[in-house]
Amino acid sequence: MEKLNIGVIGLGAIGQQHVQALVDIERANLLCVADINREIAEKTAAKTNAKAFANYKEMLALPELDAVVVATPDEIHT
């Protein structure tokens, strides 16, 4: 079964919930996470075997990335 490579941008409370949900989904592969707080990104990545980014644009450049969850405050989604 092919897995979808997914990233999460924003690792606050809601972002962490998305991370956990993706880890639990059999057809999802949490490929990467991004947060402006590099420490949080690295800590989350270490727990999930994902790649950590402090700059979401660098994360979006990964050719193997299929989809992204944006878990930031509404006013900065764009």
PDB file of N, CA and C in Angstrom:
ATOM      1  N   MET A   1       0.831  -1.169   0.000  1.00  0.00           N
ATOM      2  CA  MET A   1       0.000   0.000   0.000  1.00  0.00           C
ATOM      3  C   MET A   1       0.888   1.248   0.000  1.00  0.00           C
ATOM      4  N   GLU A   2       0.618   2.154  -0.909  1.00  0.00           N
ATOM      5  CA  GLU A   2       1.402   3.384  -1.006  1.00  0.00           C
ATOM      6  C   GLU A   2       0.958   4.375   0.060  1.00  0.00           C
ATOM      7  N   LYS A   3       1.937   5.021   0.668  1.00  0.00           N
ATOM      8  CA  LYS A   3       1.644   6.016   1.702  1.00  0.00           C
ATOM      9  C   LYS A   3       1.777   7.412   1.128  1.00  0.00           C
ATOM     10  N   LEU A   4       0.991   8.324   1.671  1.00  0.00           N
ATOM     11  CA  LEU A   4       1.029   9.725   1.304  1.00  0.00           C
ATOM     12  C   LEU A   4       2.012  10.432   2.225  1.00  0.00           C
ATOM     13  N   ASN A   5       2.995  11.121   1.667  1.00  0.00           N
ATOM     14  CA  ASN A   5       3.989  11.865   2.445  1.00  0.00           C
ATOM     15  C   ASN A   5       3.423  13.231   2.810  1.00  0.00           C
ATOM     16  N   ILE A   6       3.262  13.460   4.102  1.00  0.00           N
ATOM     17  CA  ILE A   6       2.579  14.659   4.580  1.00  0.00           C
ATOM     18  C   ILE A   6       3.482  15.451   5.512  1.00  0.00           C
ATOM     19  N   GLY A   7       3.352  16.771   5.444  1.00  0.00           N
ATOM     20  CA  GLY A   7       4.053  17.665   6.347  1.00  0.00           C
ATOM     21  C   GLY A   7       3.054  18.458   7.171  1.00  0.00           C
ATOM     22  N   VAL A   8       3.491  18.954   8.299  1.00  0.00           N
ATOM     23  CA  VAL A   8       2.661  19.805   9.152  1.00  0.00           C
ATOM     24  C   VAL A   8       3.398  21.113   9.376  1.00  0.00           C
ATOM     25  N   ILE A   9       2.708  22.216   9.109  1.00  0.00           N
ATOM     26  CA  ILE A   9       3.249  23.549   9.363  1.00  0.00           C
ATOM     27  C   ILE A   9       2.529  24.112  10.583  1.00  0.00           C
ATOM     28  N   GLY A  10       3.286  24.425  11.613  1.00  0.00           N
ATOM     29  CA  GLY A  10       2.728  24.941  12.852  1.00  0.00           C
ATOM     30  C   GLY A  10       2.586  23.819  13.862  1.00  0.00           C
ATOM     31  N   LEU A  11       3.327  23.902  14.954  1.00  0.00           N
ATOM     32  CA  LEU A  11       3.370  22.805  15.917  1.00  0.00           C
ATOM     33  C   LEU A  11       2.908  23.215  17.306  1.00  0.00           C
ATOM     34  N   GLY A  12       1.916  24.104  17.331  1.00  0.00           N
ATOM     35  CA  GLY A  12       1.281  24.431  18.603  1.00  0.00           C
ATOM     36  C   GLY A  12       0.345  23.292  18.990  1.00  0.00           C
ATOM     37  N   ALA A  13      -0.626  23.581  19.830  1.00  0.00           N
ATOM     38  CA  ALA A  13      -1.532  22.539  20.333  1.00  0.00           C
ATOM     39  C   ALA A  13      -2.263  21.809  19.207  1.00  0.00           C
ATOM     40  N   ILE A  14      -2.826  22.551  18.267  1.00  0.00           N
ATOM     41  CA  ILE A  14      -3.568  21.921  17.163  1.00  0.00           C
ATOM     42  C   ILE A  14      -2.603  21.190  16.236  1.00  0.00           C
ATOM     43  N   GLY A  15      -1.467  21.784  15.956  1.00  0.00           N
ATOM     44  CA  GLY A  15      -0.473  21.122  15.113  1.00  0.00           C
ATOM     45  C   GLY A  15      -0.014  19.800  15.703  1.00  0.00           C
ATOM     46  N   GLN A  16       0.178  19.779  17.000  1.00  0.00           N
ATOM     47  CA  GLN A  16       0.595  18.534  17.662  1.00  0.00           C
ATOM     48  C   GLN A  16      -0.492  17.465  17.555  1.00  0.00           C
ATOM     49  N   GLN A  17      -1.751  17.878  17.606  1.00  0.00           N
ATOM     50  CA  GLN A  17      -2.852  16.925  17.427  1.00  0.00           C
ATOM     51  C   GLN A  17      -2.848  16.353  16.014  1.00  0.00           C
ATOM     52  N   HIS A  18      -2.583  17.203  15.036  1.00  0.00           N
ATOM     53  CA  HIS A  18      -2.493  16.733  13.652  1.00  0.00           C
ATOM     54  C   HIS A  18      -1.321  15.764  13.487  1.00  0.00           C
ATOM     55  N   VAL A  19      -0.198  16.080  14.092  1.00  0.00           N
ATOM     56  CA  VAL A  19       0.972  15.201  14.034  1.00  0.00           C
ATOM     57  C   VAL A  19       0.603  13.815  14.559  1.00  0.00           C
ATOM     58  N   GLN A  20      -0.011  13.772  15.732  1.00  0.00           N
ATOM     59  CA  GLN A  20      -0.368  12.483  16.323  1.00  0.00           C
ATOM     60  C   GLN A  20      -1.370  11.728  15.459  1.00  0.00           C
ATOM     61  N   ALA A  21      -2.341  12.441  14.911  1.00  0.00           N
ATOM     62  CA  ALA A  21      -3.325  11.787  14.047  1.00  0.00           C
ATOM     63  C   ALA A  21      -2.653  11.188  12.817  1.00  0.00           C
ATOM     64  N   LEU A  22      -1.724  11.911  12.215  1.00  0.00           N
ATOM     65  CA  LEU A  22      -1.030  11.411  11.028  1.00  0.00           C
ATOM     66  C   LEU A  22      -0.168  10.200  11.346  1.00  0.00           C
ATOM     67  N   VAL A  23       0.463  10.210  12.507  1.00  0.00           N
ATOM     68  CA  VAL A  23       1.272   9.062  12.917  1.00  0.00           C
ATOM     69  C   VAL A  23       0.396   7.814  13.052  1.00  0.00           C
ATOM     70  N   ASP A  24      -0.846   8.008  13.465  1.00  0.00           N
ATOM     71  CA  ASP A  24      -1.754   6.889  13.690  1.00  0.00           C
ATOM     72  C   ASP A  24      -2.454   6.393  12.422  1.00  0.00           C
ATOM     73  N   ILE A  25      -2.375   7.141  11.335  1.00  0.00           N
ATOM     74  CA  ILE A  25      -3.047   6.751  10.085  1.00  0.00           C
ATOM     75  C   ILE A  25      -2.115   5.855   9.273  1.00  0.00           C
ATOM     76  N   GLU A  26      -2.570   4.679   8.976  1.00  0.00           N
ATOM     77  CA  GLU A  26      -1.748   3.680   8.298  1.00  0.00           C
ATOM     78  C   GLU A  26      -1.246   4.130   6.924  1.00  0.00           C
ATOM     79  N   ARG A  27      -2.049   4.844   6.180  1.00  0.00           N
ATOM     80  CA  ARG A  27      -1.663   5.244   4.826  1.00  0.00           C
ATOM     81  C   ARG A  27      -0.965   6.598   4.777  1.00  0.00           C
ATOM     82  N   ALA A  28      -0.670   7.178   5.940  1.00  0.00           N
ATOM     83  CA  ALA A  28       0.026   8.460   6.000  1.00  0.00           C
ATOM     84  C   ALA A  28       1.451   8.259   6.484  1.00  0.00           C
ATOM     85  N   ASN A  29       2.347   9.012   5.912  1.00  0.00           N
ATOM     86  CA  ASN A  29       3.732   9.050   6.366  1.00  0.00           C
ATOM     87  C   ASN A  29       4.043  10.493   6.745  1.00  0.00           C
ATOM     88  N   LEU A  30       4.216  10.750   8.037  1.00  0.00           N
ATOM     89  CA  LEU A  30       4.585  12.090   8.467  1.00  0.00           C
ATOM     90  C   LEU A  30       6.032  12.310   8.048  1.00  0.00           C
ATOM     91  N   LEU A  31       6.205  12.978   6.937  1.00  0.00           N
ATOM     92  CA  LEU A  31       7.530  13.173   6.353  1.00  0.00           C
ATOM     93  C   LEU A  31       8.298  14.300   7.038  1.00  0.00           C
ATOM     94  N   CYS A  32       7.579  15.395   7.365  1.00  0.00           N
ATOM     95  CA  CYS A  32       8.280  16.566   7.872  1.00  0.00           C
ATOM     96  C   CYS A  32       7.345  17.462   8.673  1.00  0.00           C
ATOM     97  N   VAL A  33       7.958  18.284   9.498  1.00  0.00           N
ATOM     98  CA  VAL A  33       7.231  19.259  10.308  1.00  0.00           C
ATOM     99  C   VAL A  33       7.983  20.580  10.252  1.00  0.00           C
ATOM    100  N   ALA A  34       7.235  21.677  10.392  1.00  0.00           N
ATOM    101  CA  ALA A  34       7.862  22.999  10.372  1.00  0.00           C
ATOM    102  C   ALA A  34       7.230  23.894  11.426  1.00  0.00           C
ATOM    103  N   ASP A  35       8.078  24.650  12.098  1.00  0.00           N
ATOM    104  CA  ASP A  35       7.615  25.640  13.066  1.00  0.00           C
ATOM    105  C   ASP A  35       8.699  26.706  13.170  1.00  0.00           C
ATOM    106  N   ILE A  36       8.299  27.946  13.392  1.00  0.00           N
ATOM    107  CA  ILE A  36       9.308  29.004  13.509  1.00  0.00           C
ATOM    108  C   ILE A  36      10.194  28.799  14.728  1.00  0.00           C
ATOM    109  N   ASN A  37       9.706  28.019  15.674  1.00  0.00           N
ATOM    110  CA  ASN A  37      10.510  27.652  16.834  1.00  0.00           C
ATOM    111  C   ASN A  37      11.241  26.343  16.495  1.00  0.00           C
ATOM    112  N   ARG A  38      12.488  26.471  16.103  1.00  0.00           N
ATOM    113  CA  ARG A  38      13.263  25.302  15.657  1.00  0.00           C
ATOM    114  C   ARG A  38      13.313  24.204  16.729  1.00  0.00           C
ATOM    115  N   GLU A  39      13.394  24.589  17.990  1.00  0.00           N
ATOM    116  CA  GLU A  39      13.471  23.608  19.067  1.00  0.00           C
ATOM    117  C   GLU A  39      12.215  22.718  19.093  1.00  0.00           C
ATOM    118  N   ILE A  40      11.059  23.334  18.939  1.00  0.00           N
ATOM    119  CA  ILE A  40       9.812  22.559  18.908  1.00  0.00           C
ATOM    120  C   ILE A  40       9.782  21.665  17.675  1.00  0.00           C
ATOM    121  N   ALA A  41      10.212  22.191  16.537  1.00  0.00           N
ATOM    122  CA  ALA A  41      10.236  21.391  15.312  1.00  0.00           C
ATOM    123  C   ALA A  41      11.154  20.180  15.471  1.00  0.00           C
ATOM    124  N   GLU A  42      12.323  20.403  16.018  1.00  0.00           N
ATOM    125  CA  GLU A  42      13.277  19.299  16.183  1.00  0.00           C
ATOM    126  C   GLU A  42      12.802  18.280  17.211  1.00  0.00           C
ATOM    127  N   LYS A  43      12.188  18.757  18.278  1.00  0.00           N
ATOM    128  CA  LYS A  43      11.672  17.847  19.308  1.00  0.00           C
ATOM    129  C   LYS A  43      10.543  16.984  18.742  1.00  0.00           C
ATOM    130  N   THR A  44       9.644  17.599  18.005  1.00  0.00           N
ATOM    131  CA  THR A  44       8.538  16.854  17.395  1.00  0.00           C
ATOM    132  C   THR A  44       9.061  15.872  16.361  1.00  0.00           C
ATOM    133  N   ALA A  45       9.996  16.315  15.550  1.00  0.00           N
ATOM    134  CA  ALA A  45      10.569  15.445  14.518  1.00  0.00           C
ATOM    135  C   ALA A  45      11.270  14.244  15.134  1.00  0.00           C
ATOM    136  N   ALA A  46      11.973  14.458  16.219  1.00  0.00           N
ATOM    137  CA  ALA A  46      12.695  13.363  16.877  1.00  0.00           C
ATOM    138  C   ALA A  46      11.741  12.293  17.387  1.00  0.00           C
ATOM    139  N   LYS A  47      10.561  12.710  17.854  1.00  0.00           N
ATOM    140  CA  LYS A  47       9.580  11.749  18.372  1.00  0.00           C
ATOM    141  C   LYS A  47       8.887  10.974  17.258  1.00  0.00           C
ATOM    142  N   THR A  48       8.915  11.506  16.039  1.00  0.00           N
ATOM    143  CA  THR A  48       8.116  10.920  14.961  1.00  0.00           C
ATOM    144  C   THR A  48       8.941  10.464  13.767  1.00  0.00           C
ATOM    145  N   ASN A  49      10.243  10.599  13.840  1.00  0.00           N
ATOM    146  CA  ASN A  49      11.130  10.250  12.721  1.00  0.00           C
ATOM    147  C   ASN A  49      10.863  11.088  11.476  1.00  0.00           C
ATOM    148  N   ALA A  50      10.412  12.308  11.671  1.00  0.00           N
ATOM    149  CA  ALA A  50      10.175  13.232  10.563  1.00  0.00           C
ATOM    150  C   ALA A  50      11.384  14.157  10.415  1.00  0.00           C
ATOM    151  N   LYS A  51      11.403  14.917   9.344  1.00  0.00           N
ATOM    152  CA  LYS A  51      12.423  15.940   9.143  1.00  0.00           C
ATOM    153  C   LYS A  51      11.906  17.239   9.748  1.00  0.00           C
ATOM    154  N   ALA A  52      12.790  18.008  10.388  1.00  0.00           N
ATOM    155  CA  ALA A  52      12.401  19.262  11.037  1.00  0.00           C
ATOM    156  C   ALA A  52      12.851  20.461  10.221  1.00  0.00           C
ATOM    157  N   PHE A  53      11.984  21.472  10.188  1.00  0.00           N
ATOM    158  CA  PHE A  53      12.301  22.721   9.496  1.00  0.00           C
ATOM    159  C   PHE A  53      11.839  23.896  10.342  1.00  0.00           C
ATOM    160  N   ALA A  54      12.617  24.963  10.344  1.00  0.00           N
ATOM    161  CA  ALA A  54      12.198  26.218  10.957  1.00  0.00           C
ATOM    162  C   ALA A  54      11.605  27.131   9.892  1.00  0.00           C
ATOM    163  N   ASN A  55      11.880  26.835   8.634  1.00  0.00           N
ATOM    164  CA  ASN A  55      11.381  27.612   7.505  1.00  0.00           C
ATOM    165  C   ASN A  55      10.483  26.710   6.660  1.00  0.00           C
ATOM    166  N   TYR A  56       9.190  26.994   6.666  1.00  0.00           N
ATOM    167  CA  TYR A  56       8.251  26.139   5.941  1.00  0.00           C
ATOM    168  C   TYR A  56       8.513  26.125   4.433  1.00  0.00           C
ATOM    169  N   LYS A  57       9.091  27.192   3.896  1.00  0.00           N
ATOM    170  CA  LYS A  57       9.371  27.235   2.450  1.00  0.00           C
ATOM    171  C   LYS A  57      10.411  26.185   2.073  1.00  0.00           C
ATOM    172  N   GLU A  58      11.373  25.961   2.934  1.00  0.00           N
ATOM    173  CA  GLU A  58      12.354  24.897   2.687  1.00  0.00           C
ATOM    174  C   GLU A  58      11.670  23.531   2.709  1.00  0.00           C
ATOM    175  N   MET A  59      10.740  23.357   3.632  1.00  0.00           N
ATOM    176  CA  MET A  59       9.996  22.103   3.714  1.00  0.00           C
ATOM    177  C   MET A  59       9.178  21.885   2.443  1.00  0.00           C
ATOM    178  N   LEU A  60       8.516  22.928   1.969  1.00  0.00           N
ATOM    179  CA  LEU A  60       7.680  22.804   0.781  1.00  0.00           C
ATOM    180  C   LEU A  60       8.485  22.464  -0.472  1.00  0.00           C
ATOM    181  N   ALA A  61       9.779  22.704  -0.449  1.00  0.00           N
ATOM    182  CA  ALA A  61      10.635  22.394  -1.598  1.00  0.00           C
ATOM    183  C   ALA A  61      10.971  20.907  -1.707  1.00  0.00           C
ATOM    184  N   LEU A  62      10.639  20.108  -0.700  1.00  0.00           N
ATOM    185  CA  LEU A  62      10.933  18.672  -0.765  1.00  0.00           C
ATOM    186  C   LEU A  62      10.131  18.034  -1.886  1.00  0.00           C
ATOM    187  N   PRO A  63      10.792  17.423  -2.852  1.00  0.00           N
ATOM    188  CA  PRO A  63      10.055  16.843  -3.993  1.00  0.00           C
ATOM    189  C   PRO A  63       9.156  15.679  -3.608  1.00  0.00           C
ATOM    190  N   GLU A  64       9.471  14.995  -2.529  1.00  0.00           N
ATOM    191  CA  GLU A  64       8.675  13.832  -2.136  1.00  0.00           C
ATOM    192  C   GLU A  64       7.443  14.196  -1.300  1.00  0.00           C
ATOM    193  N   LEU A  65       7.274  15.467  -0.959  1.00  0.00           N
ATOM    194  CA  LEU A  65       6.143  15.920  -0.154  1.00  0.00           C
ATOM    195  C   LEU A  65       4.874  15.935  -1.006  1.00  0.00           C
ATOM    196  N   ASP A  66       3.832  15.221  -0.549  1.00  0.00           N
ATOM    197  CA  ASP A  66       2.575  15.127  -1.297  1.00  0.00           C
ATOM    198  C   ASP A  66       1.499  16.089  -0.813  1.00  0.00           C
ATOM    199  N   ALA A  67       1.468  16.360   0.487  1.00  0.00           N
ATOM    200  CA  ALA A  67       0.403  17.187   1.061  1.00  0.00           C
ATOM    201  C   ALA A  67       0.902  17.858   2.334  1.00  0.00           C
ATOM    202  N   VAL A  68       0.220  18.936   2.720  1.00  0.00           N
ATOM    203  CA  VAL A  68       0.607  19.691   3.899  1.00  0.00           C
ATOM    204  C   VAL A  68      -0.629  20.037   4.723  1.00  0.00           C
ATOM    205  N   VAL A  69      -0.508  19.915   6.028  1.00  0.00           N
ATOM    206  CA  VAL A  69      -1.516  20.401   6.968  1.00  0.00           C
ATOM    207  C   VAL A  69      -1.016  21.749   7.478  1.00  0.00           C
ATOM    208  N   VAL A  70      -1.838  22.792   7.335  1.00  0.00           N
ATOM    209  CA  VAL A  70      -1.483  24.110   7.844  1.00  0.00           C
ATOM    210  C   VAL A  70      -2.196  24.267   9.174  1.00  0.00           C
ATOM    211  N   ALA A  71      -1.438  24.255  10.252  1.00  0.00           N
ATOM    212  CA  ALA A  71      -1.994  24.324  11.604  1.00  0.00           C
ATOM    213  C   ALA A  71      -1.480  25.576  12.302  1.00  0.00           C
ATOM    214  N   THR A  72      -1.631  26.680  11.621  1.00  0.00           N
ATOM    215  CA  THR A  72      -1.222  27.977  12.161  1.00  0.00           C
ATOM    216  C   THR A  72      -2.476  28.785  12.435  1.00  0.00           C
ATOM    217  N   PRO A  73      -2.365  29.901  13.153  1.00  0.00           N
ATOM    218  CA  PRO A  73      -3.537  30.742  13.362  1.00  0.00           C
ATOM    219  C   PRO A  73      -4.156  31.180  12.014  1.00  0.00           C
ATOM    220  N   ASP A  74      -5.465  31.283  11.972  1.00  0.00           N
ATOM    221  CA  ASP A  74      -6.188  31.579  10.736  1.00  0.00           C
ATOM    222  C   ASP A  74      -5.615  32.754   9.965  1.00  0.00           C
ATOM    223  N   GLU A  75      -5.254  33.821  10.664  1.00  0.00           N
ATOM    224  CA  GLU A  75      -4.822  35.043   9.981  1.00  0.00           C
ATOM    225  C   GLU A  75      -3.490  34.903   9.240  1.00  0.00           C
ATOM    226  N   ILE A  76      -2.749  33.825   9.484  1.00  0.00           N
ATOM    227  CA  ILE A  76      -1.485  33.656   8.750  1.00  0.00           C
ATOM    228  C   ILE A  76      -1.492  32.431   7.821  1.00  0.00           C
ATOM    229  N   HIS A  77      -2.653  31.865   7.531  1.00  0.00           N
ATOM    230  CA  HIS A  77      -2.729  30.716   6.625  1.00  0.00           C
ATOM    231  C   HIS A  77      -2.217  31.032   5.229  1.00  0.00           C
ATOM    232  N   THR A  78      -2.467  32.211   4.733  1.00  0.00           N
ATOM    233  CA  THR A  78      -2.037  32.505   3.368  1.00  0.00           C
ATOM    234  C   THR A  78      -0.552  32.674   3.290  1.00  0.00           C
TER     235      THR A  78
END
